[in-house]
């Protein structure tokens, strides 16, 4: 066979194989996460500095990363977060990783996107305890920040709209591709163990994928917590009803992503489930009316652990030095 024809046929075979793998993956209720594509590096770099900068808080000690720690799966591993003056928050901090894939932000969906979410904690008296105006004043007092805002936005000026836009741009890069499960979806059938494959099959057959689907394995709908049996909790959170005012939306919460779930304990909006086996048992009972055997529980947990992807890889930013000598209040006094 002439070499050009052989090369052409080989290329067609590779293309057909890739197409077949893509088709097989598309048939699954879960799809691989795609790596982030950065089109505005100056904006992302500015957002990263703001994300880690505690000077956006009243005390000067609390940053976005305090509750959404990127070295801890994008959360803080507490039942509910600690805010200004040691205030205990009312709800579990959801992970920031892959949060760009959510249909809305916060458990009750009160923020339509990451930009809307970014401004909330700054002005929340129970979280960062500041005001938008004062936070902007602090940033304006730092010449290096003014220069970075001008570079990122193409014109001088610092305001809360630009602050939240930049933070959101950085958060959009916080995706975690290349989990072992993603590799399995993409055709590497050796990427999962037999136990993990059984867990995935059980996850699908039991109906878990009705809510936990798509690239984020969740985040795309609001669902009632306690479908088969009422969920017993001390939390006063009512979910989506707090936003819509509709009684029918009581205890409907945004379905959390299960990506990196082994890192984001404790679980549920109240942080009541301390471990993955406990969370699986509770969800099976309350949402599906199913009592998993210990073996089935272990299989599902094994599958869930295969969803841990490549964590964000970057150095901690060097924050611009401040020229403001105004004394700050004690952070937790």
C-alpha atoms as a PDB file:
ATOM      1  CA  UNK A   1       0.000   0.000   0.000  1.00  0.00           C
ATOM      2  CA  UNK A   2       1.426   3.444  -0.888  1.00  0.00           C
ATOM      3  CA  UNK A   3       2.616   5.316   2.202  1.00  0.00           C
ATOM      4  CA  UNK A   4       0.330   8.372   1.728  1.00  0.00           C
ATOM      5  CA  UNK A   5      -2.715   6.103   1.598  1.00  0.00           C
ATOM      6  CA  UNK A   6      -1.509   4.169   4.658  1.00  0.00           C
ATOM      7  CA  UNK A   7      -1.032   7.419   6.628  1.00  0.00           C
ATOM      8  CA  UNK A   8      -4.469   8.617   5.559  1.00  0.00           C
ATOM      9  CA  UNK A   9      -6.126   5.366   6.629  1.00  0.00           C
ATOM     10  CA  UNK A  10      -4.263   5.410   9.945  1.00  0.00           C
ATOM     11  CA  UNK A  11      -5.387   8.979  10.578  1.00  0.00           C
ATOM     12  CA  UNK A  12      -8.974   8.030   9.779  1.00  0.00           C
ATOM     13  CA  UNK A  13      -8.739   5.114  12.201  1.00  0.00           C
ATOM     14  CA  UNK A  14      -7.437   7.380  14.970  1.00  0.00           C
ATOM     15  CA  UNK A  15     -10.171   9.917  14.260  1.00  0.00           C
ATOM     16  CA  UNK A  16     -12.798   7.197  14.332  1.00  0.00           C
ATOM     17  CA  UNK A  17     -11.426   5.902  17.620  1.00  0.00           C
ATOM     18  CA  UNK A  18     -11.445   9.380  19.162  1.00  0.00           C
ATOM     19  CA  UNK A  19     -14.974   9.977  17.911  1.00  0.00           C
ATOM     20  CA  UNK A  20     -16.109   6.673  19.385  1.00  0.00           C
ATOM     21  CA  UNK A  21     -14.569   7.538  22.767  1.00  0.00           C
ATOM     22  CA  UNK A  22     -16.173  10.977  22.712  1.00  0.00           C
ATOM     23  CA  UNK A  23     -19.534   9.434  21.851  1.00  0.00           C
ATOM     24  CA  UNK A  24     -19.190   6.895  24.666  1.00  0.00           C
ATOM     25  CA  UNK A  25     -18.364   9.658  27.171  1.00  0.00           C
ATOM     26  CA  UNK A  26     -21.311  11.762  25.989  1.00  0.00           C
ATOM     27  CA  UNK A  27     -23.648   8.864  26.744  1.00  0.00           C
ATOM     28  CA  UNK A  28     -22.721   9.073  30.418  1.00  0.00           C
ATOM     29  CA  UNK A  29     -24.626  11.375  32.819  1.00  0.00           C
ATOM     30  CA  UNK A  30     -21.287  12.844  33.926  1.00  0.00           C
ATOM     31  CA  UNK A  31     -18.841  14.549  31.559  1.00  0.00           C
ATOM     32  CA  UNK A  32     -15.127  15.324  31.972  1.00  0.00           C
ATOM     33  CA  UNK A  33     -14.068  18.737  33.253  1.00  0.00           C
ATOM     34  CA  UNK A  34     -12.238  20.843  30.704  1.00  0.00           C
ATOM     35  CA  UNK A  35      -9.141  22.840  31.732  1.00  0.00           C
ATOM     36  CA  UNK A  36      -9.607  26.568  32.219  1.00  0.00           C
ATOM     37  CA  UNK A  37      -8.728  28.857  29.318  1.00  0.00           C
ATOM     38  CA  UNK A  38      -7.323  32.192  30.482  1.00  0.00           C
ATOM     39  CA  UNK A  39      -7.957  35.014  28.008  1.00  0.00           C
ATOM     40  CA  UNK A  40      -7.308  37.940  30.376  1.00  0.00           C
ATOM     41  CA  UNK A  41      -4.213  37.068  32.460  1.00  0.00           C
ATOM     42  CA  UNK A  42      -3.910  40.536  34.010  1.00  0.00           C
ATOM     43  CA  UNK A  43      -7.524  40.325  35.209  1.00  0.00           C
ATOM     44  CA  UNK A  44      -7.011  36.857  36.653  1.00  0.00           C
ATOM     45  CA  UNK A  45      -3.808  37.897  38.417  1.00  0.00           C
ATOM     46  CA  UNK A  46      -5.563  40.890  39.960  1.00  0.00           C
ATOM     47  CA  UNK A  47      -8.456  38.684  41.057  1.00  0.00           C
ATOM     48  CA  UNK A  48      -6.046  36.231  42.641  1.00  0.00           C
ATOM     49  CA  UNK A  49      -4.439  38.963  44.739  1.00  0.00           C
ATOM     50  CA  UNK A  50      -7.846  40.248  45.835  1.00  0.00           C
ATOM     51  CA  UNK A  51      -8.995  36.709  46.667  1.00  0.00           C
ATOM     52  CA  UNK A  52      -6.089  36.285  49.089  1.00  0.00           C
ATOM     53  CA  UNK A  53      -6.039  39.846  50.438  1.00  0.00           C
ATOM     54  CA  UNK A  54      -7.369  40.119  54.026  1.00  0.00           C
ATOM     55  CA  UNK A  55      -7.482  43.900  53.739  1.00  0.00           C
ATOM     56  CA  UNK A  56     -10.907  43.507  52.128  1.00  0.00           C
ATOM     57  CA  UNK A  57     -12.191  42.672  55.613  1.00  0.00           C
ATOM     58  CA  UNK A  58     -12.854  44.986  58.537  1.00  0.00           C
ATOM     59  CA  UNK A  59     -10.281  43.274  60.732  1.00  0.00           C
ATOM     60  CA  UNK A  60      -7.658  42.972  58.030  1.00  0.00           C
ATOM     61  CA  UNK A  61      -7.343  39.278  58.829  1.00  0.00           C
ATOM     62  CA  UNK A  62     -10.081  37.532  56.803  1.00  0.00           C
ATOM     63  CA  UNK A  63      -9.846  36.908  53.068  1.00  0.00           C
ATOM     64  CA  UNK A  64     -11.936  34.932  50.568  1.00  0.00           C
ATOM     65  CA  UNK A  65      -9.420  32.134  51.045  1.00  0.00           C
ATOM     66  CA  UNK A  66     -10.166  31.982  54.788  1.00  0.00           C
ATOM     67  CA  UNK A  67     -13.458  30.163  54.181  1.00  0.00           C
ATOM     68  CA  UNK A  68     -12.692  28.827  50.693  1.00  0.00           C
ATOM     69  CA  UNK A  69      -9.167  27.606  51.240  1.00  0.00           C
ATOM     70  CA  UNK A  70      -7.571  26.422  48.013  1.00  0.00           C
ATOM     71  CA  UNK A  71      -5.291  24.045  49.902  1.00  0.00           C
ATOM     72  CA  UNK A  72      -8.330  22.361  51.498  1.00  0.00           C
ATOM     73  CA  UNK A  73     -10.540  21.591  48.511  1.00  0.00           C
ATOM     74  CA  UNK A  74     -11.836  25.151  48.273  1.00  0.00           C
ATOM     75  CA  UNK A  75     -13.581  25.115  51.654  1.00  0.00           C
ATOM     76  CA  UNK A  76     -12.606  25.268  55.348  1.00  0.00           C
ATOM     77  CA  UNK A  77     -13.614  21.800  56.646  1.00  0.00           C
ATOM     78  CA  UNK A  78     -15.776  23.367  59.365  1.00  0.00           C
ATOM     79  CA  UNK A  79     -19.473  22.742  59.975  1.00  0.00           C
ATOM     80  CA  UNK A  80     -20.033  26.471  59.499  1.00  0.00           C
ATOM     81  CA  UNK A  81     -17.396  29.129  58.926  1.00  0.00           C
ATOM     82  CA  UNK A  82     -15.978  31.579  61.458  1.00  0.00           C
ATOM     83  CA  UNK A  83     -16.407  35.256  60.613  1.00  0.00           C
ATOM     84  CA  UNK A  84     -15.599  38.652  62.071  1.00  0.00           C
ATOM     85  CA  UNK A  85     -15.304  38.678  65.887  1.00  0.00           C
ATOM     86  CA  UNK A  86     -15.499  34.862  66.030  1.00  0.00           C
ATOM     87  CA  UNK A  87     -19.059  34.824  64.754  1.00  0.00           C
ATOM     88  CA  UNK A  88     -20.233  31.331  63.827  1.00  0.00           C
ATOM     89  CA  UNK A  89     -21.780  31.327  60.370  1.00  0.00           C
ATOM     90  CA  UNK A  90     -25.262  29.901  59.737  1.00  0.00           C
ATOM     91  CA  UNK A  91     -24.340  27.484  56.961  1.00  0.00           C
ATOM     92  CA  UNK A  92     -21.563  25.271  55.602  1.00  0.00           C
ATOM     93  CA  UNK A  93     -19.134  26.963  53.197  1.00  0.00           C
ATOM     94  CA  UNK A  94     -19.498  25.351  49.745  1.00  0.00           C
ATOM     95  CA  UNK A  95     -16.355  24.716  47.745  1.00  0.00           C
ATOM     96  CA  UNK A  96     -15.202  27.399  45.343  1.00  0.00           C
ATOM     97  CA  UNK A  97     -13.609  24.775  43.080  1.00  0.00           C
ATOM     98  CA  UNK A  98     -15.623  24.299  39.872  1.00  0.00           C
ATOM     99  CA  UNK A  99     -18.180  26.792  41.201  1.00  0.00           C
ATOM    100  CA  UNK A 100     -18.290  28.492  37.801  1.00  0.00           C
ATOM    101  CA  UNK A 101     -20.394  25.508  36.676  1.00  0.00           C
ATOM    102  CA  UNK A 102     -23.158  26.178  39.225  1.00  0.00           C
ATOM    103  CA  UNK A 103     -26.513  27.496  38.024  1.00  0.00           C
ATOM    104  CA  UNK A 104     -26.318  30.001  40.895  1.00  0.00           C
ATOM    105  CA  UNK A 105     -24.147  30.673  43.951  1.00  0.00           C
ATOM    106  CA  UNK A 106     -24.747  30.028  47.681  1.00  0.00           C
ATOM    107  CA  UNK A 107     -26.858  27.140  48.953  1.00  0.00           C
ATOM    108  CA  UNK A 108     -30.031  29.159  48.412  1.00  0.00           C
ATOM    109  CA  UNK A 109     -29.002  30.519  45.011  1.00  0.00           C
ATOM    110  CA  UNK A 110     -29.290  34.162  46.011  1.00  0.00           C
ATOM    111  CA  UNK A 111     -26.369  35.184  43.784  1.00  0.00           C
ATOM    112  CA  UNK A 112     -26.848  34.566  40.077  1.00  0.00           C
ATOM    113  CA  UNK A 113     -23.141  34.168  39.327  1.00  0.00           C
ATOM    114  CA  UNK A 114     -19.627  34.392  40.764  1.00  0.00           C
ATOM    115  CA  UNK A 115     -19.465  38.157  40.297  1.00  0.00           C
ATOM    116  CA  UNK A 116     -22.644  38.644  42.324  1.00  0.00           C
ATOM    117  CA  UNK A 117     -21.364  36.229  44.963  1.00  0.00           C
ATOM    118  CA  UNK A 118     -17.964  37.887  45.362  1.00  0.00           C
ATOM    119  CA  UNK A 119     -19.353  41.066  46.878  1.00  0.00           C
ATOM    120  CA  UNK A 120     -21.553  39.363  49.464  1.00  0.00           C
ATOM    121  CA  UNK A 121     -19.039  38.229  52.101  1.00  0.00           C
ATOM    122  CA  UNK A 122     -17.145  41.556  52.070  1.00  0.00           C
ATOM    123  CA  UNK A 123     -20.192  43.489  53.281  1.00  0.00           C
ATOM    124  CA  UNK A 124     -21.701  40.735  55.421  1.00  0.00           C
ATOM    125  CA  UNK A 125     -21.313  41.736  59.104  1.00  0.00           C
ATOM    126  CA  UNK A 126     -21.032  38.078  60.068  1.00  0.00           C
ATOM    127  CA  UNK A 127     -18.306  37.291  57.554  1.00  0.00           C
ATOM    128  CA  UNK A 128     -15.717  39.875  56.515  1.00  0.00           C
ATOM    129  CA  UNK A 129     -17.629  42.619  58.318  1.00  0.00           C
ATOM    130  CA  UNK A 130     -16.625  45.507  56.061  1.00  0.00           C
ATOM    131  CA  UNK A 131     -18.480  47.759  53.609  1.00  0.00           C
ATOM    132  CA  UNK A 132     -17.938  47.976  49.867  1.00  0.00           C
ATOM    133  CA  UNK A 133     -17.098  51.670  50.127  1.00  0.00           C
ATOM    134  CA  UNK A 134     -14.429  51.154  52.779  1.00  0.00           C
ATOM    135  CA  UNK A 135     -12.953  48.152  50.969  1.00  0.00           C
ATOM    136  CA  UNK A 136     -12.629  50.222  47.805  1.00  0.00           C
ATOM    137  CA  UNK A 137     -11.049  53.073  49.791  1.00  0.00           C
ATOM    138  CA  UNK A 138      -8.412  50.671  51.127  1.00  0.00           C
ATOM    139  CA  UNK A 139      -7.579  49.468  47.606  1.00  0.00           C
ATOM    140  CA  UNK A 140      -7.396  53.049  46.316  1.00  0.00           C
ATOM    141  CA  UNK A 141      -4.853  53.845  49.027  1.00  0.00           C
ATOM    142  CA  UNK A 142      -2.471  51.242  47.560  1.00  0.00           C
ATOM    143  CA  UNK A 143      -0.722  52.610  44.421  1.00  0.00           C
ATOM    144  CA  UNK A 144       0.219  49.166  43.137  1.00  0.00           C
ATOM    145  CA  UNK A 145      -3.429  48.130  43.120  1.00  0.00           C
ATOM    146  CA  UNK A 146      -4.456  51.220  41.190  1.00  0.00           C
ATOM    147  CA  UNK A 147      -1.877  50.320  38.536  1.00  0.00           C
ATOM    148  CA  UNK A 148      -3.101  46.700  38.370  1.00  0.00           C
ATOM    149  CA  UNK A 149      -6.737  47.770  37.993  1.00  0.00           C
ATOM    150  CA  UNK A 150      -5.761  50.118  35.161  1.00  0.00           C
ATOM    151  CA  UNK A 151      -3.860  47.333  33.395  1.00  0.00           C
ATOM    152  CA  UNK A 152      -6.619  44.753  33.870  1.00  0.00           C
ATOM    153  CA  UNK A 153      -9.498  46.993  32.782  1.00  0.00           C
ATOM    154  CA  UNK A 154      -7.736  49.235  30.283  1.00  0.00           C
ATOM    155  CA  UNK A 155      -8.511  52.427  32.185  1.00  0.00           C
ATOM    156  CA  UNK A 156      -7.833  53.845  35.662  1.00  0.00           C
ATOM    157  CA  UNK A 157     -10.339  53.447  38.450  1.00  0.00           C
ATOM    158  CA  UNK A 158     -11.231  51.168  41.364  1.00  0.00           C
ATOM    159  CA  UNK A 159     -14.807  50.385  42.316  1.00  0.00           C
ATOM    160  CA  UNK A 160     -16.701  47.424  43.747  1.00  0.00           C
ATOM    161  CA  UNK A 161     -17.917  46.371  40.286  1.00  0.00           C
ATOM    162  CA  UNK A 162     -14.333  45.982  39.126  1.00  0.00           C
ATOM    163  CA  UNK A 163     -13.338  44.257  42.366  1.00  0.00           C
ATOM    164  CA  UNK A 164     -16.017  41.582  42.011  1.00  0.00           C
ATOM    165  CA  UNK A 165     -15.376  41.208  38.277  1.00  0.00           C
ATOM    166  CA  UNK A 166     -11.695  40.476  38.919  1.00  0.00           C
ATOM    167  CA  UNK A 167     -12.358  38.041  41.769  1.00  0.00           C
ATOM    168  CA  UNK A 168     -14.876  36.189  39.598  1.00  0.00           C
ATOM    169  CA  UNK A 169     -12.357  36.009  36.734  1.00  0.00           C
ATOM    170  CA  UNK A 170      -9.877  34.312  39.051  1.00  0.00           C
ATOM    171  CA  UNK A 171     -12.496  31.943  40.474  1.00  0.00           C
ATOM    172  CA  UNK A 172     -13.466  30.875  36.966  1.00  0.00           C
ATOM    173  CA  UNK A 173      -9.971  29.396  36.600  1.00  0.00           C
ATOM    174  CA  UNK A 174     -10.420  27.197  39.688  1.00  0.00           C
ATOM    175  CA  UNK A 175     -11.444  24.042  37.890  1.00  0.00           C
ATOM    176  CA  UNK A 176     -10.089  20.577  38.649  1.00  0.00           C
ATOM    177  CA  UNK A 177      -9.721  18.488  35.473  1.00  0.00           C
ATOM    178  CA  UNK A 178      -7.922  15.172  34.962  1.00  0.00           C
ATOM    179  CA  UNK A 179      -9.454  13.181  37.801  1.00  0.00           C
ATOM    180  CA  UNK A 180      -9.082   9.438  37.473  1.00  0.00           C
ATOM    181  CA  UNK A 181     -12.784   9.280  36.673  1.00  0.00           C
ATOM    182  CA  UNK A 182     -12.318  11.813  33.865  1.00  0.00           C
ATOM    183  CA  UNK A 183      -9.534   9.670  32.447  1.00  0.00           C
ATOM    184  CA  UNK A 184     -11.867   6.653  32.616  1.00  0.00           C
ATOM    185  CA  UNK A 185     -14.566   8.611  30.772  1.00  0.00           C
ATOM    186  CA  UNK A 186     -11.998   9.531  28.123  1.00  0.00           C
ATOM    187  CA  UNK A 187     -11.189   5.891  27.430  1.00  0.00           C
ATOM    188  CA  UNK A 188      -8.566   4.847  29.987  1.00  0.00           C
ATOM    189  CA  UNK A 189     -10.436   1.907  31.472  1.00  0.00           C
ATOM    190  CA  UNK A 190      -7.493   1.104  33.753  1.00  0.00           C
ATOM    191  CA  UNK A 191      -7.977   4.427  35.546  1.00  0.00           C
ATOM    192  CA  UNK A 192     -10.607   2.978  37.909  1.00  0.00           C
ATOM    193  CA  UNK A 193     -10.492  -0.080  40.128  1.00  0.00           C
ATOM    194  CA  UNK A 194     -13.181  -2.754  39.954  1.00  0.00           C
ATOM    195  CA  UNK A 195     -14.644  -1.433  43.215  1.00  0.00           C
ATOM    196  CA  UNK A 196     -14.818   2.107  41.827  1.00  0.00           C
ATOM    197  CA  UNK A 197     -16.522   0.921  38.641  1.00  0.00           C
ATOM    198  CA  UNK A 198     -19.079  -0.972  40.715  1.00  0.00           C
ATOM    199  CA  UNK A 199     -19.611   2.168  42.758  1.00  0.00           C
ATOM    200  CA  UNK A 200     -20.268   4.229  39.644  1.00  0.00           C
ATOM    201  CA  UNK A 201     -22.721   1.641  38.305  1.00  0.00           C
ATOM    202  CA  UNK A 202     -24.538   1.641  41.643  1.00  0.00           C
ATOM    203  CA  UNK A 203     -24.464   5.454  41.717  1.00  0.00           C
ATOM    204  CA  UNK A 204     -26.294   5.450  38.377  1.00  0.00           C
ATOM    205  CA  UNK A 205     -28.662   2.552  39.026  1.00  0.00           C
ATOM    206  CA  UNK A 206     -29.755   3.950  42.409  1.00  0.00           C
ATOM    207  CA  UNK A 207     -30.785   7.275  40.892  1.00  0.00           C
ATOM    208  CA  UNK A 208     -28.044   9.489  42.347  1.00  0.00           C
ATOM    209  CA  UNK A 209     -27.367  10.864  38.855  1.00  0.00           C
ATOM    210  CA  UNK A 210     -30.841  12.416  38.714  1.00  0.00           C
ATOM    211  CA  UNK A 211     -29.375  15.278  40.764  1.00  0.00           C
ATOM    212  CA  UNK A 212     -25.618  14.718  40.550  1.00  0.00           C
ATOM    213  CA  UNK A 213     -24.819  14.930  36.861  1.00  0.00           C
ATOM    214  CA  UNK A 214     -22.944  17.016  34.321  1.00  0.00           C
ATOM    215  CA  UNK A 215     -19.263  17.994  34.480  1.00  0.00           C
ATOM    216  CA  UNK A 216     -19.538  19.248  38.082  1.00  0.00           C
ATOM    217  CA  UNK A 217     -21.538  16.188  39.190  1.00  0.00           C
ATOM    218  CA  UNK A 218     -24.077  18.574  40.687  1.00  0.00           C
ATOM    219  CA  UNK A 219     -24.681  22.302  40.943  1.00  0.00           C
ATOM    220  CA  UNK A 220     -27.263  22.392  38.155  1.00  0.00           C
ATOM    221  CA  UNK A 221     -30.531  22.211  40.122  1.00  0.00           C
ATOM    222  CA  UNK A 222     -32.258  22.845  43.433  1.00  0.00           C
ATOM    223  CA  UNK A 223     -33.644  19.819  45.259  1.00  0.00           C
ATOM    224  CA  UNK A 224     -35.529  19.244  48.474  1.00  0.00           C
ATOM    225  CA  UNK A 225     -33.419  17.940  51.341  1.00  0.00           C
ATOM    226  CA  UNK A 226     -35.489  15.076  52.724  1.00  0.00           C
ATOM    227  CA  UNK A 227     -37.607  13.644  49.895  1.00  0.00           C
ATOM    228  CA  UNK A 228     -38.530  10.282  51.393  1.00  0.00           C
ATOM    229  CA  UNK A 229     -38.094  11.226  55.045  1.00  0.00           C
ATOM    230  CA  UNK A 230     -37.775  14.667  56.674  1.00  0.00           C
ATOM    231  CA  UNK A 231     -34.208  15.790  57.317  1.00  0.00           C
ATOM    232  CA  UNK A 232     -33.608  16.412  61.009  1.00  0.00           C
ATOM    233  CA  UNK A 233     -31.348  19.413  61.549  1.00  0.00           C
ATOM    234  CA  UNK A 234     -30.701  22.246  63.973  1.00  0.00           C
ATOM    235  CA  UNK A 235     -30.012  24.605  61.080  1.00  0.00           C
ATOM    236  CA  UNK A 236     -32.454  27.459  60.515  1.00  0.00           C
ATOM    237  CA  UNK A 237     -31.631  27.649  56.801  1.00  0.00           C
ATOM    238  CA  UNK A 238     -34.704  27.220  54.603  1.00  0.00           C
ATOM    239  CA  UNK A 239     -32.947  27.149  51.239  1.00  0.00           C
ATOM    240  CA  UNK A 240     -34.444  28.564  48.073  1.00  0.00           C
ATOM    241  CA  UNK A 241     -37.537  29.788  49.935  1.00  0.00           C
ATOM    242  CA  UNK A 242     -35.410  32.545  51.470  1.00  0.00           C
ATOM    243  CA  UNK A 243     -34.964  33.931  47.945  1.00  0.00           C
ATOM    244  CA  UNK A 244     -38.337  33.222  46.317  1.00  0.00           C
ATOM    245  CA  UNK A 245     -40.580  33.579  49.368  1.00  0.00           C
ATOM    246  CA  UNK A 246     -42.463  30.487  48.226  1.00  0.00           C
ATOM    247  CA  UNK A 247     -43.348  27.860  50.804  1.00  0.00           C
ATOM    248  CA  UNK A 248     -42.967  25.175  48.128  1.00  0.00           C
ATOM    249  CA  UNK A 249     -39.262  26.022  47.993  1.00  0.00           C
ATOM    250  CA  UNK A 250     -38.636  25.390  51.689  1.00  0.00           C
ATOM    251  CA  UNK A 251     -35.620  23.145  52.265  1.00  0.00           C
ATOM    252  CA  UNK A 252     -34.770  23.169  48.558  1.00  0.00           C
ATOM    253  CA  UNK A 253     -31.027  23.641  48.341  1.00  0.00           C
ATOM    254  CA  UNK A 254     -28.640  23.865  45.432  1.00  0.00           C
ATOM    255  CA  UNK A 255     -27.308  20.393  44.748  1.00  0.00           C
ATOM    256  CA  UNK A 256     -23.599  20.514  45.665  1.00  0.00           C
ATOM    257  CA  UNK A 257     -20.898  19.441  43.268  1.00  0.00           C
ATOM    258  CA  UNK A 258     -19.340  16.076  44.113  1.00  0.00           C
ATOM    259  CA  UNK A 259     -16.049  16.940  42.470  1.00  0.00           C
ATOM    260  CA  UNK A 260     -13.221  16.656  45.036  1.00  0.00           C
ATOM    261  CA  UNK A 261     -15.838  15.582  47.585  1.00  0.00           C
ATOM    262  CA  UNK A 262     -13.351  13.572  49.623  1.00  0.00           C
ATOM    263  CA  UNK A 263     -11.660  16.908  50.454  1.00  0.00           C
ATOM    264  CA  UNK A 264     -14.735  19.006  51.272  1.00  0.00           C
ATOM    265  CA  UNK A 265     -15.989  17.442  54.512  1.00  0.00           C
ATOM    266  CA  UNK A 266     -18.142  17.910  56.542  1.00  0.00           C
ATOM    267  CA  UNK A 267     -21.151  17.530  54.273  1.00  0.00           C
ATOM    268  CA  UNK A 268     -24.619  19.019  53.652  1.00  0.00           C
ATOM    269  CA  UNK A 269     -25.711  22.624  54.172  1.00  0.00           C
ATOM    270  CA  UNK A 270     -25.413  22.211  57.950  1.00  0.00           C
ATOM    271  CA  UNK A 271     -22.146  20.261  57.911  1.00  0.00           C
ATOM    272  CA  UNK A 272     -23.823  17.493  59.901  1.00  0.00           C
ATOM    273  CA  UNK A 273     -22.296  14.521  58.063  1.00  0.00           C
ATOM    274  CA  UNK A 274     -18.681  14.221  59.140  1.00  0.00           C
ATOM    275  CA  UNK A 275     -17.619  11.485  56.716  1.00  0.00           C
ATOM    276  CA  UNK A 276     -18.389  10.324  53.184  1.00  0.00           C
ATOM    277  CA  UNK A 277     -19.829   6.951  54.327  1.00  0.00           C
ATOM    278  CA  UNK A 278     -22.185   8.830  56.660  1.00  0.00           C
ATOM    279  CA  UNK A 279     -23.217  11.206  53.872  1.00  0.00           C
ATOM    280  CA  UNK A 280     -23.859   8.333  51.443  1.00  0.00           C
ATOM    281  CA  UNK A 281     -25.940   6.486  54.036  1.00  0.00           C
ATOM    282  CA  UNK A 282     -28.022   9.576  54.808  1.00  0.00           C
ATOM    283  CA  UNK A 283     -28.618  10.507  51.172  1.00  0.00           C
ATOM    284  CA  UNK A 284     -29.622   6.957  50.297  1.00  0.00           C
ATOM    285  CA  UNK A 285     -32.131   6.860  53.108  1.00  0.00           C
ATOM    286  CA  UNK A 286     -33.632  10.357  52.866  1.00  0.00           C
ATOM    287  CA  UNK A 287     -33.455  11.019  49.143  1.00  0.00           C
ATOM    288  CA  UNK A 288     -33.804   7.567  47.596  1.00  0.00           C
ATOM    289  CA  UNK A 289     -35.493   5.472  50.271  1.00  0.00           C
ATOM    290  CA  UNK A 290     -32.631   3.006  49.965  1.00  0.00           C
ATOM    291  CA  UNK A 291     -30.512   1.367  52.641  1.00  0.00           C
ATOM    292  CA  UNK A 292     -27.106   0.662  51.151  1.00  0.00           C
ATOM    293  CA  UNK A 293     -25.268  -2.369  52.476  1.00  0.00           C
ATOM    294  CA  UNK A 294     -21.802  -1.712  53.936  1.00  0.00           C
ATOM    295  CA  UNK A 295     -20.298  -3.153  50.749  1.00  0.00           C
ATOM    296  CA  UNK A 296     -22.445  -0.926  48.520  1.00  0.00           C
ATOM    297  CA  UNK A 297     -21.630   2.104  50.634  1.00  0.00           C
ATOM    298  CA  UNK A 298     -17.902   1.375  50.323  1.00  0.00           C
ATOM    299  CA  UNK A 299     -18.237   1.010  46.544  1.00  0.00           C
ATOM    300  CA  UNK A 300     -19.991   4.359  46.151  1.00  0.00           C
ATOM    301  CA  UNK A 301     -17.452   6.064  48.427  1.00  0.00           C
ATOM    302  CA  UNK A 302     -14.626   4.567  46.365  1.00  0.00           C
ATOM    303  CA  UNK A 303     -16.202   5.965  43.190  1.00  0.00           C
ATOM    304  CA  UNK A 304     -16.665   9.397  44.775  1.00  0.00           C
ATOM    305  CA  UNK A 305     -12.983   9.534  45.678  1.00  0.00           C
ATOM    306  CA  UNK A 306     -12.106   8.995  42.016  1.00  0.00           C
ATOM    307  CA  UNK A 307     -13.679  12.418  41.311  1.00  0.00           C
ATOM    308  CA  UNK A 308     -10.757  14.278  42.905  1.00  0.00           C
ATOM    309  CA  UNK A 309      -9.087  16.219  40.113  1.00  0.00           C
ATOM    310  CA  UNK A 310      -5.939  18.258  39.641  1.00  0.00           C
ATOM    311  CA  UNK A 311      -5.993  21.011  42.238  1.00  0.00           C
ATOM    312  CA  UNK A 312      -5.264  24.635  41.282  1.00  0.00           C
ATOM    313  CA  UNK A 313      -1.531  25.027  40.834  1.00  0.00           C
ATOM    314  CA  UNK A 314      -0.074  28.432  41.591  1.00  0.00           C
ATOM    315  CA  UNK A 315       2.146  30.248  44.040  1.00  0.00           C
ATOM    316  CA  UNK A 316       0.575  32.375  46.753  1.00  0.00           C
ATOM    317  CA  UNK A 317       0.514  35.940  45.489  1.00  0.00           C
ATOM    318  CA  UNK A 318       2.737  38.640  46.915  1.00  0.00           C
ATOM    319  CA  UNK A 319       0.248  41.298  47.990  1.00  0.00           C
ATOM    320  CA  UNK A 320       0.952  44.973  47.258  1.00  0.00           C
ATOM    321  CA  UNK A 321       2.303  46.804  50.330  1.00  0.00           C
ATOM    322  CA  UNK A 322      -0.078  49.208  52.006  1.00  0.00           C
ATOM    323  CA  UNK A 323       0.690  52.835  52.739  1.00  0.00           C
ATOM    324  CA  UNK A 324      -2.309  53.133  55.048  1.00  0.00           C
ATOM    325  CA  UNK A 325      -1.224  53.337  58.696  1.00  0.00           C
ATOM    326  CA  UNK A 326      -4.754  53.562  60.103  1.00  0.00           C
ATOM    327  CA  UNK A 327      -5.038  51.162  63.062  1.00  0.00           C
ATOM    328  CA  UNK A 328      -7.437  48.282  62.492  1.00  0.00           C
ATOM    329  CA  UNK A 329      -9.796  46.862  65.109  1.00  0.00           C
ATOM    330  CA  UNK A 330      -8.749  43.614  66.746  1.00  0.00           C
ATOM    331  CA  UNK A 331      -9.796  40.793  64.397  1.00  0.00           C
ATOM    332  CA  UNK A 332     -11.434  38.498  66.931  1.00  0.00           C
ATOM    333  CA  UNK A 333     -11.518  40.522  70.120  1.00  0.00           C
END
